[in-house]
C-alpha cells in the first residue's frame, strides 16, 4: 500500500522516457522484494497445511475444506501446481485482506484519537459498552449491534478520516463535461472523498467531531449518500469495507471496555496532535501513544 501511494517524479514529468526508465528500475526492485516476502508467506502457509493434511491421512473425512484445501485437492487430481495455487489465493483474497486490515487499523487509531481528544464522547461510548457487556465480562460479536452510540462514533470517525481519501481511481470511457470541466476519454479520475465528507454545504461545522450528527439519520457506509462516502461508491468500493468494519467495531469495543485510557506526560486532550500523513491512506502523522489502565467489572 505504501508503494501504491508513493510519490514519483514520473507523475510530474510523464513524457520523460529516461526518467521513466530510471524510476521503473528502482520500482521494479522494490516490487520484487515485496513479492518475494509475500511469496515466502504463502509458501509457509501451504507447507503448514500440507503437513497437517499428512498427519491426518489416517483420520476419516477432511475438515479443511476452505479455498486452500480445495486447491490442494485439485493439485492431487488435476494439473495444478503451487504457482497456480498461490496466484488464485492472491488474486481472490489479498485485495480484500489488505484493504480490510488497513481499514481496520487506520480507523481504530483515528477513533481512539478522537475519543481521547473529546473526553465527553469517550465517557459516553465507554458507558454504553460497559452497560451492554458488564454482565458477561467479555465483548463478543453477538451483542455488538446493541452498541448504537459506538456506531455513531465510527461513522463520524470515517467521515473525518476516510481510510482512502482519493478512493480507487477511475478512468473515463468517453469525453464528458462536468461542471464546466472537459474530461477527455481515457483520463484517470480521482474522487476526493476527504473533501466530500467535509463539505460545508452538506455538514454543519464539518471540522468538528460530533457523532450525534448521525443520530436518527439513514446515512450509512454503502455509498448511496453522495455527501458521505468513506469507502467510495459503486462496484469499485473498498473491497475490504465489511471485513474492516467488523474488526473495527469489535476492536474498539474491546479497547474501551477493558481499559481506561489517558494521554502520556500529563498531556491535555486539546494538545493531542491530529496531523495527517500524506499517502494513499490517511494515517496519523505521529503514532498515537496512550497509557492503559485495566478495568475490572464489579
Foldseek 3Di string as FASTA:
>chain_A
DQLVWDDACCVVVVPDPVSVVVVVVVSVVVVVVVVVVLVVVLVVVLVVVVVVCVVCVVPPDDDPPDLSVVLVVCVVVHVHDPVNSVVVCCVPPVLQVVLQVLLQVQLLQLLVLVCLLPVVLLVVQLVQLCVQCVVPQADDPVCLVVSVLVQLSSQLSLLQFQFQQFADKDFAQAWDADPNDTDHHRDIDTDGSNCLSQPVVVDPVSVDRDSCVCPVHPDDAAQPDRSRHSQHYDPRGRSNVVSNVSSNSNVNSRQSHFWDKHAPPPDHSNPDDQDWDDTSTTHGPDGGDIDTDTDDRD
